[in-house]
Every structure is written in structure tokens, then in C-alpha cells.
Amino acid sequence: MEQLYTRWGRDLDPENLPDIYPRGLLQRGSWISLNGYWDYSIVPAIQGKNDAQRGYPAWAAKCIRPKKYDGKILVPFSPESVLSGVNRQLKPGEILWYHRILPEVHPKSFGRRLLLRFGAVDQSCVVFLNGEQVGRHMGGYLPFDLDITDRYVEGEVNELVVKVRDVSDTSFHAKGKQMLKRGGMFYTAVSGIWQTVWMEEVPEEHIEEIEIVPEPDADLVHITVHANAQQVVKLCIDEPSLYINENYSQMADALVEKIFVAGTTNECITVRIPKAHLWTCEKPWIYNVEAQMGSDYATSYFAMRTVTIEKDEEGIPRICLNHEKLFLRGILDQGMWPDGLYTPPSDEAILFDLRGMKAAGFNMVRKHAKIEPDRWYYHCDHLGLLVWQDIVNGGEPYHMNYVTYAATLRSWMGLRTTDTDAVKLARQSDAGKEEFRQEIAETARTLKGHPSVFAWTLFNEAWGQFETKACTEILRNADPERLIDSASGWFDQNCGDFRSVHYYYLTFSVKPEKERAFVLSEFGGLPYRIREHAASRKLYGYGKKFKDEESLTIAYNKLIDRMKGYESEGLCAYVYTQWTDIEDEVNGLYTYDREILKIRNGES
């Protein structure tokens, strides 16, 4: 492949990375970013059988650091990315070591705790401080925290080591669209640290989470401040603000003043919000929350909005925002970058994509087979862009002929297929099934506080699909407030909130149901390769290959207009494939480097 850069990747200063607190739903003012250059080394793994705890093999047992390191890696970029400075694929039979010296702090002198936080490490890791294990984690897409106070020695050199193993698509772990042998609609596998790492000091008794559940129909919001102690907590809810640009936020018209309440941690505090400003795609009003518990102080935010399925005057189920029918015009986004791969090269790069989606006429984005850094969702919340979020797929290697070509034909013929064939659906491992069940709940807990997130995709195109109804209930219990697409594309099991179909070939028709909304969760994929802005000489897409922007634009607009016409027949949403080109796949509205919008005056 040819190496492409985005404008933000070209301008990246490794010695002066942006200093932005990475987690919007629980913010503190005092933190230390650990992004920047770390030592790294890639060495052969010590082979051993898995233990009983979620697949940790013998390699995880000890901290036997390499005698010397291969060089420097720029965290938080994965070693496979050019921005990391390594540009090398980690293989299943290898270990990736990270090493750095921690900044000097003095938590024990002031009776405080020192927390080490990771946005995401792919795929499994063990963390050591001064030679002793302080924690480990499995799952390449979810955040985790470690209390390192007891191992941190004030006034001494403190060595942090992270030991990573990533078997990528050779096992049942969550993998998204990563493949060691990339190509077509599957992309370069990433590994290691790919989101922000940071430290922060907190009081001995401190806030761990601010859980907020709005109830707009009753003018209420339910707030639970989770903490490691039962204490009085004071809350301040500010009047809502409307994000205009990076320098200015518009406040509401003084209809809501600051609200002060008090309660107890780990217990629900219900607050009345008079004359609430509802969150919409046009006016995404955000309420800010301050929480004070003893000497600990943290902030969060929420929005007053509901997303429901309600029947229209003809009895057709419709998706409603704040009880008003909303036709969802969506774009598929896989979150890949030519220079950072899974990691956006900057906050400005994230905003470029999201603002561009809204400018192109989309009110929704489907985040496909990936979980983004929290800042991505923060910006969707404030920009008014609804998010349809996938639970990241796992399972053994997929049988593509069965779950793609044969499934497409069966879906078109109206034939239903069960989800019980463990071999063909790549779900033979009991450990893999249990891991996925846990990650359903962990993903919901991680993201459900974001008002932009309105729906989940549980299984996509039968990749690792199993026990669909039971898994839907796990997700429903973890997040009762959002809609669920239990089976996107095909292999529908008559559960969830959507009848969800994909359309790339054959013909398409709308068949409304009595209770579930009918949605087109993927379609389009019109390919057009611009050689100077392509990462690969290959050309992958769906249907006719276009040779210029004019012919592509005509075909795109014709297809979009056709989909708009289906609304009257019962279609509730569509998701066009996709926002950008990715490696071989050249069916994006933008080129992979975000330099060329291939649709002239593109509007959906």
C-alpha cells in the first residue's frame, strides 16, 4: 500500500501533543497525560495454555523486560500506524512491551489515591509498576482504570511497563474489521495502546462515576453519584448551553436557572427540570452538572431527549425523537485514518468528519464495528449528530460465503435462518460467548451516558451471532433507554426494535412490520478511486465502478432520492456506505486522506 497522510497527521508535533481531558462524562481539572514517546520492543511470546480468567495465557505471568528496547513509540498510536514511528504489524506469536518513567507526584503525602487510566489497549495487556503487577485487562475497545497508589514510591524513579498480546482475528475476541491479512472490506489490524493514557490524583474517598438518566416526559432527571464511600454529595445543574463553535456557546433564554440539590452518594437523586430545553439535531441543548463530595469535585453533562418507536396515523412504526417522527439520514463510519489507523490524528480531525457529515445533510452516523475515543461521542453530543453504535463483533474466523453471499440471497428471498449453527456463525467457543456477553454490558455502561447514542447494533451480518434473543435481553437490561438492532443485515430472529436489512445487490423493497421499525442499515457503497488520494492500487466497492466525480454524483443522488421516496412506504432510516475510503475500499464520499469530497455539492 502507498502511505497517505491527513493534513492533521502531517502537522502533528510529537513533542507537543494536545492536552485535552479525554473523558467528558466524568471530568476533573487535575490530570497528567502520559501520551508521548515511550520505549517499546517486540519479542517472541512465551507459549502456554490459557488460564481460567478470560483467556490470559502463561505469557502474562511475569514482568521480564527486554534487555534493550527497539526504539521509541508515540503513544497513543498503535505500532502498525505510521504516526507511531514504528509502522510494524504485531503478530499473534509476539509480545509488545511498553516502558516509561512516570512523572513525579506526591499522592500519599496528601492522603490521596493515584489512578492510572487507559482509554483502550488492543487486545490483552498486563500492567506492571516497579516490577510488580498492578492489573490486567482483556478487550481491545473498552477503557479501564487501575489504582497504583500502593506501588508508587514518592521521591523515587517509578517505572511503568505494559505488556501486550494481540492475536487479532485468529481467536474469538472482539476484533471489528481488523485482519492480519487485510483486503477488501477488512482492514489493517491494530494492536497495543491506541487511546489516551493518563494519571490523576483523587481523594481517598472519591467519585467514581456520575450516572444520569433523563426523564423528559416528566420534567425529571435521575442522578446517581457512584463513589467508594457513602457521603453527602452536592449537585449543581447549570442552565443548558448550545454549542456554536470552539469559541462560543449560546446559553438558554434564562428560562432555567442553576439548580442546587443535595443527596447521598450511591443513591438516586431525582431533580425536577422546569421548562426543559429538549435536545434535537438542530438544537442540541446540553445541561452541565457539577458534583461535590467532600474534597472531591467532578463534572458531567446530560441532555433531555427521548427516542422511541411510535406508530403513525397509518399504524406504521416510526422512529421518534421527543415523540416527533424523525426520518434518519445516516452515514456509515468505520473510524479509520491512513496515518493513525484506529486513532484520530487530532481533535480537529474528529470535528472535520462530524461537521462534514452534518453539512452533507446527515442527522445520524452509524459507528461500525468499532468504539471511538470518548471525545468523538462528546462532539456528537454537542453537535447534534445521533449515533447508532455497534457492539464490536467477535467470534472465530468468519465463513464469508455463508454469512455474506448466501445470506444476501436468502434475505432477498425472504427466507429466515436460525442462529444456532455454531460452526457457520463462528461461535464455537463457550469462553468467547461469555466474553461477548460481558462486553455487551460493559459497552452499554461505557457509552450510555452520551445523549447522541440512541441505538445499538448487536450483531452485524451474522458475524459471531448466537443466542440473539438472550443477548438482546442482556443489552436491554444494561441500557433500557435505547433502541436495539438485534441483527443488522440478515439472520433476523424476530427481536429488538428494528427490522434491519442491507441492500447492495439484487432488488430492494420496504416491508413494514406491526411493532418494529423498518430500517435500511446499510446500502450504497458506490466505488470511485482517485489515484493520487488512494492508499491501495486495488479497487473494492459494490456494483458499477465509476470513473469520474460527475457520473458518481449522478448515481449517488439518484440512489438517495430513491431512498427518500421509500419513507412514505414505511422506511424509517437509511445508512449510506460510507463516509471515507479505507485502504482497498474506495466507496467513501471522501477520499481516505479527507482531501477530496467525491460527491459534487454532496447532500443526502
Foldseek 3Di string as FASTA:
>chain_A
DAFDAFPLLVVDDLVCADDDPQAFAKDDDDWFWPFHKWFKAKAFADDAFADPPLGDGPSQPFPDDDPHTPGIFGPPFFLCFVSRVRNDDHAQRMKMKTKDWDDADDQVVVQKWKKKKAAFFPAKKWKDKPGHTFDIDGHGAHMDMTTCRVRDDHPDTIMIMMMWGHNAQQFFGFHQQDDVPDDFSRAHGGGTRNDIIMMGIDHPKEFDGWDWDADQVQQKIKIAGAIPDKFKKKKKKAAWWADDDPVDIHGPPPPWHIDIDMDIHPDIDMDGTPPFDAAALVTLIKIKMWMDTPPYIIIRIAGHKAWDFDADPVLFTAIDIRNHGDFFEEFEDACQASRRGNHPSHLVSLVVLVVVCVLQAGQEYEHGQHDHRNSSLVVCSNNRRAYAYELHGGAHDAPCCVLPVVQLVCVVVVHADALPPCVNLRNPDPSSVVVSLVSLLSVCVSPVRRPRYAEYEYEESSNNDDPLVVSVVSNCVSPVRHWYNSYAAGNDPPDTQEPHHEDQDDDDDDDTDNGHAYEDEEYDFAAEDDPVQAREPAAHTGDDYDDALVVVQVVVVVVVVVVVVCVVVGYHYYYYYHQEAGHNRGSHCAYSNRPDRSHVSRHD
